[in-house]
Amino acid sequence: MPQNFTTSIRFEGRRHLAVVVPMTRSNGLHFEVNIPGFPRFWLRWGTSDKYELVKPGDAKIPDGLLLAVSDAIEAAQG
C-alpha cells in the first residue's frame, strides 16, 4: 500500500480527484479521504465486510461516493 495516493473516481457522471492517505491507528487501518467540494472524511474496513465512515454522523457523504472511493482503495491494495 502506498504511503498516500491520488486517484480519479467517477461519481454522478463526473470525474473527481481523490487524495487518499492510509493511517495506522490503534484500532486498525484508517483512510483519510480528501475530495475537492466534499468535506474530508475517514474510512475503515468494518464488521460488515465493507468500508464504512469512521464517524458517520460528522459528514454527509453520499453512498455512491463512498462506494467509488472504496473501489479505488481496493484497487490500490492490489
Protein backbone atom coordinates (compact mmCIF):
# COMPACT_ATOMS: atom_id res chain seq x y z
CA MET A 1 0.00 0.00 0.00
CA PRO A 2 1.47 3.37 -0.96
CA GLN A 3 2.01 5.98 1.72
CA ASN A 4 -0.68 8.06 0.01
CA PHE A 5 -2.17 8.10 -3.45
CA THR A 6 -4.23 10.23 -5.77
CA THR A 7 -6.91 8.66 -7.93
CA SER A 8 -9.66 9.75 -10.25
CA ILE A 9 -13.09 8.48 -9.27
CA ARG A 10 -16.39 8.67 -11.12
CA PHE A 11 -19.44 9.86 -9.19
CA GLU A 12 -22.76 11.11 -10.58
CA GLY A 13 -21.37 11.16 -14.10
CA ARG A 14 -18.40 13.36 -13.23
CA ARG A 15 -14.75 12.69 -12.52
CA HIS A 16 -13.39 13.77 -9.14
CA LEU A 17 -9.78 13.77 -7.95
CA ALA A 18 -9.43 11.99 -4.61
CA VAL A 19 -6.36 12.00 -2.36
CA VAL A 20 -6.29 9.00 -0.02
CA VAL A 21 -3.92 8.83 2.96
CA PRO A 22 -3.71 5.47 4.79
CA MET A 23 -3.07 5.76 8.55
CA THR A 24 -2.43 3.01 11.06
CA ARG A 25 -4.36 3.62 14.27
CA SER A 26 -4.68 1.60 17.45
CA ASN A 27 -8.00 0.23 16.20
CA GLY A 28 -6.86 -0.61 12.67
CA LEU A 29 -6.08 0.93 9.31
CA HIS A 30 -7.97 4.14 8.51
CA PHE A 31 -8.05 6.07 5.24
CA GLU A 32 -8.28 9.85 5.20
CA VAL A 33 -10.09 10.92 2.02
CA ASN A 34 -9.85 14.42 0.54
CA ILE A 35 -12.03 15.32 -2.46
CA PRO A 36 -12.48 18.96 -3.54
CA GLY A 37 -16.08 20.05 -2.99
CA PHE A 38 -16.76 17.49 -0.22
CA PRO A 39 -15.86 17.52 3.48
CA ARG A 40 -12.82 15.47 4.49
CA PHE A 41 -13.80 12.03 5.80
CA TRP A 42 -12.22 8.85 7.11
CA LEU A 43 -12.97 5.24 6.17
CA ARG A 44 -12.06 1.92 7.73
CA TRP A 45 -12.85 -1.71 6.99
CA GLY A 46 -15.98 -2.51 9.00
CA THR A 47 -17.54 -5.59 10.51
CA SER A 48 -19.97 -5.76 7.58
CA ASP A 49 -17.05 -6.54 5.20
CA LYS A 50 -17.08 -3.16 3.50
CA TYR A 51 -15.52 0.25 4.02
CA GLU A 52 -17.52 2.49 6.34
CA LEU A 53 -17.24 6.00 7.71
CA VAL A 54 -15.26 6.23 10.95
CA LYS A 55 -17.61 8.93 12.30
CA PRO A 56 -20.80 8.56 10.24
CA GLY A 57 -22.65 11.47 11.86
CA ASP A 58 -19.90 14.00 11.15
CA ALA A 59 -20.11 14.12 7.36
CA LYS A 60 -22.98 13.84 4.93
CA ILE A 61 -21.19 11.81 2.27
CA PRO A 62 -23.35 10.27 -0.47
CA ASP A 63 -23.35 6.46 -0.57
CA GLY A 64 -22.33 6.44 -4.24
CA LEU A 65 -19.23 8.48 -3.42
CA LEU A 66 -18.32 6.08 -0.60
CA LEU A 67 -18.62 3.14 -2.99
CA ALA A 68 -16.43 4.84 -5.61
CA VAL A 69 -13.74 5.62 -3.01
CA SER A 70 -13.98 2.06 -1.61
CA ASP A 71 -13.38 0.65 -5.09
CA ALA A 72 -10.34 2.93 -5.52
CA ILE A 73 -8.87 1.81 -2.18
CA GLU A 74 -9.36 -1.86 -3.06
CA ALA A 75 -7.71 -1.33 -6.45
CA ALA A 76 -4.70 0.36 -4.79
CA GLN A 77 -4.29 -2.52 -2.35
CA GLY A 78 -3.64 -4.88 -5.13
